[in-house]
Amino acid sequence: MTEKCVRIWVSGKVQGVGFRRAVQERALQENVTGEARNLADGRVEVLLCGDSGKVNALIQWLWQGPSAARVSNVEVQDERWWDRDNFVTY
C-alpha cells in the first residue's frame, strides 16, 4: 500500500453548503485522515492523507462534492506525510 498526503483548495460555491462535513464523512468512510477548513477568500482547504488510491478517489469526488455545492476548481499540491489518526473540520 502506497500512502500519500495532498493539500487541496476547492473553489466555487463551497461554503455554507455542508462541504466540509461531507468531505469529513467521505474521508472517514475511506479511512483517510486530514482536515478541512473554510478560507477567508471563499475557498475550502482540504488536507487528505492515506492510501494513494483512496486519496485519488476523494480528489475526484471533490469535483462533485455535496449536492448543494457548485465546484469550479480543485487545485492539488503534494504534501509531506502527516501521521494522523482522524479527520477534523474547522
C-alpha atoms as a PDB file:
ATOM      1  CA  MET A   1       0.000   0.000   0.000  1.00  0.00           C
ATOM      2  CA  THR A   2       1.390   3.358  -1.051  1.00  0.00           C
ATOM      3  CA  GLU A   3       0.393   6.290   1.135  1.00  0.00           C
ATOM      4  CA  LYS A   4       0.392   9.978   0.365  1.00  0.00           C
ATOM      5  CA  CYS A   5      -0.801  13.358   1.588  1.00  0.00           C
ATOM      6  CA  VAL A   6      -2.146  16.187  -0.537  1.00  0.00           C
ATOM      7  CA  ARG A   7      -3.298  19.721   0.211  1.00  0.00           C
ATOM      8  CA  ILE A   8      -6.259  20.822  -1.893  1.00  0.00           C
ATOM      9  CA  TRP A   9      -8.002  24.129  -2.489  1.00  0.00           C
ATOM     10  CA  VAL A  10     -11.591  23.884  -3.712  1.00  0.00           C
ATOM     11  CA  SER A  11     -13.228  26.929  -5.328  1.00  0.00           C
ATOM     12  CA  GLY A  12     -16.824  27.741  -6.214  1.00  0.00           C
ATOM     13  CA  LYS A  13     -19.930  27.659  -4.049  1.00  0.00           C
ATOM     14  CA  VAL A  14     -18.309  25.545  -1.350  1.00  0.00           C
ATOM     15  CA  GLN A  15     -19.003  27.421   1.890  1.00  0.00           C
ATOM     16  CA  GLY A  16     -22.347  27.306   3.680  1.00  0.00           C
ATOM     17  CA  VAL A  17     -23.400  24.151   1.816  1.00  0.00           C
ATOM     18  CA  GLY A  18     -22.091  21.390   4.129  1.00  0.00           C
ATOM     19  CA  PHE A  19     -18.952  20.860   2.058  1.00  0.00           C
ATOM     20  CA  ARG A  20     -16.501  20.353   4.943  1.00  0.00           C
ATOM     21  CA  ARG A  21     -18.804  17.926   6.744  1.00  0.00           C
ATOM     22  CA  ALA A  22     -19.378  15.948   3.536  1.00  0.00           C
ATOM     23  CA  VAL A  23     -15.617  15.719   2.928  1.00  0.00           C
ATOM     24  CA  GLN A  24     -15.105  14.552   6.514  1.00  0.00           C
ATOM     25  CA  GLU A  25     -17.791  11.851   6.228  1.00  0.00           C
ATOM     26  CA  ARG A  26     -16.463  10.614   2.892  1.00  0.00           C
ATOM     27  CA  ALA A  27     -12.854  10.562   4.140  1.00  0.00           C
ATOM     28  CA  LEU A  28     -13.753   8.659   7.307  1.00  0.00           C
ATOM     29  CA  GLN A  29     -15.650   6.063   5.231  1.00  0.00           C
ATOM     30  CA  GLU A  30     -12.437   5.505   3.263  1.00  0.00           C
ATOM     31  CA  ASN A  31     -10.109   5.545   6.315  1.00  0.00           C
ATOM     32  CA  VAL A  32      -8.431   8.711   5.037  1.00  0.00           C
ATOM     33  CA  THR A  33      -7.311  11.281   7.616  1.00  0.00           C
ATOM     34  CA  GLY A  34      -6.821  15.029   7.363  1.00  0.00           C
ATOM     35  CA  GLU A  35      -8.717  18.252   7.817  1.00  0.00           C
ATOM     36  CA  ALA A  36     -10.972  20.742   6.053  1.00  0.00           C
ATOM     37  CA  ARG A  37     -11.330  24.450   6.743  1.00  0.00           C
ATOM     38  CA  ASN A  38     -13.057  27.464   5.234  1.00  0.00           C
ATOM     39  CA  LEU A  39     -10.746  30.189   3.950  1.00  0.00           C
ATOM     40  CA  ALA A  40     -11.480  33.920   4.028  1.00  0.00           C
ATOM     41  CA  ASP A  41     -11.406  34.070   0.210  1.00  0.00           C
ATOM     42  CA  GLY A  42     -14.380  31.680  -0.103  1.00  0.00           C
ATOM     43  CA  ARG A  43     -12.422  28.515  -0.865  1.00  0.00           C
ATOM     44  CA  VAL A  44     -12.219  25.359   1.242  1.00  0.00           C
ATOM     45  CA  GLU A  45      -8.764  23.970   2.043  1.00  0.00           C
ATOM     46  CA  VAL A  46      -8.557  20.192   2.471  1.00  0.00           C
ATOM     47  CA  LEU A  47      -5.685  18.002   3.647  1.00  0.00           C
ATOM     48  CA  LEU A  48      -6.009  14.294   2.824  1.00  0.00           C
ATOM     49  CA  CYS A  49      -3.606  11.557   3.996  1.00  0.00           C
ATOM     50  CA  GLY A  50      -3.942   7.850   3.379  1.00  0.00           C
ATOM     51  CA  ASP A  51      -3.831   5.109   0.771  1.00  0.00           C
ATOM     52  CA  SER A  52      -2.968   6.668  -2.611  1.00  0.00           C
ATOM     53  CA  GLY A  53      -5.906   5.060  -4.404  1.00  0.00           C
ATOM     54  CA  LYS A  54      -8.400   6.259  -1.804  1.00  0.00           C
ATOM     55  CA  VAL A  55      -6.898   9.765  -1.721  1.00  0.00           C
ATOM     56  CA  ASN A  56      -7.085   9.948  -5.532  1.00  0.00           C
ATOM     57  CA  ALA A  57     -10.722   8.810  -5.468  1.00  0.00           C
ATOM     58  CA  LEU A  58     -11.544  11.519  -2.907  1.00  0.00           C
ATOM     59  CA  ILE A  59      -9.843  14.140  -5.082  1.00  0.00           C
ATOM     60  CA  GLN A  60     -12.127  13.125  -7.959  1.00  0.00           C
ATOM     61  CA  TRP A  61     -15.159  13.256  -5.651  1.00  0.00           C
ATOM     62  CA  LEU A  62     -14.221  16.816  -4.586  1.00  0.00           C
ATOM     63  CA  TRP A  63     -15.104  17.994  -8.111  1.00  0.00           C
ATOM     64  CA  GLN A  64     -18.689  16.992  -7.287  1.00  0.00           C
ATOM     65  CA  GLY A  65     -18.976  17.475  -3.525  1.00  0.00           C
ATOM     66  CA  PRO A  66     -22.364  17.535  -1.790  1.00  0.00           C
ATOM     67  CA  SER A  67     -25.454  18.306  -3.875  1.00  0.00           C
ATOM     68  CA  ALA A  68     -25.718  21.974  -2.785  1.00  0.00           C
ATOM     69  CA  ALA A  69     -22.098  22.722  -3.774  1.00  0.00           C
ATOM     70  CA  ARG A  70     -21.006  24.092  -7.144  1.00  0.00           C
ATOM     71  CA  VAL A  71     -17.296  23.386  -7.602  1.00  0.00           C
ATOM     72  CA  SER A  72     -15.435  25.466 -10.182  1.00  0.00           C
ATOM     73  CA  ASN A  73     -11.833  24.423  -9.486  1.00  0.00           C
ATOM     74  CA  VAL A  74      -9.810  21.885  -7.500  1.00  0.00           C
ATOM     75  CA  GLU A  75      -6.098  22.657  -7.041  1.00  0.00           C
ATOM     76  CA  VAL A  76      -3.936  19.835  -5.654  1.00  0.00           C
ATOM     77  CA  GLN A  77      -0.438  20.035  -4.162  1.00  0.00           C
ATOM     78  CA  ASP A  78       1.606  17.134  -2.779  1.00  0.00           C
ATOM     79  CA  GLU A  79       2.262  17.470   0.935  1.00  0.00           C
ATOM     80  CA  ARG A  80       4.723  15.784   3.294  1.00  0.00           C
ATOM     81  CA  TRP A  81       3.296  12.811   5.181  1.00  0.00           C
ATOM     82  CA  TRP A  82       1.305  13.688   8.321  1.00  0.00           C
ATOM     83  CA  ASP A  83       0.726  10.800  10.687  1.00  0.00           C
ATOM     84  CA  ARG A  84      -2.822  11.499  11.809  1.00  0.00           C
ATOM     85  CA  ASP A  85      -5.496   9.304  13.302  1.00  0.00           C
ATOM     86  CA  ASN A  86      -8.624  11.316  12.480  1.00  0.00           C
ATOM     87  CA  PHE A  87     -10.260  13.886  10.201  1.00  0.00           C
ATOM     88  CA  VAL A  88     -11.199  17.283  11.639  1.00  0.00           C
ATOM     89  CA  THR A  89     -13.041  20.317  10.342  1.00  0.00           C
ATOM     90  CA  TYR A  90     -12.523  23.948  11.299  1.00  0.00           C
END
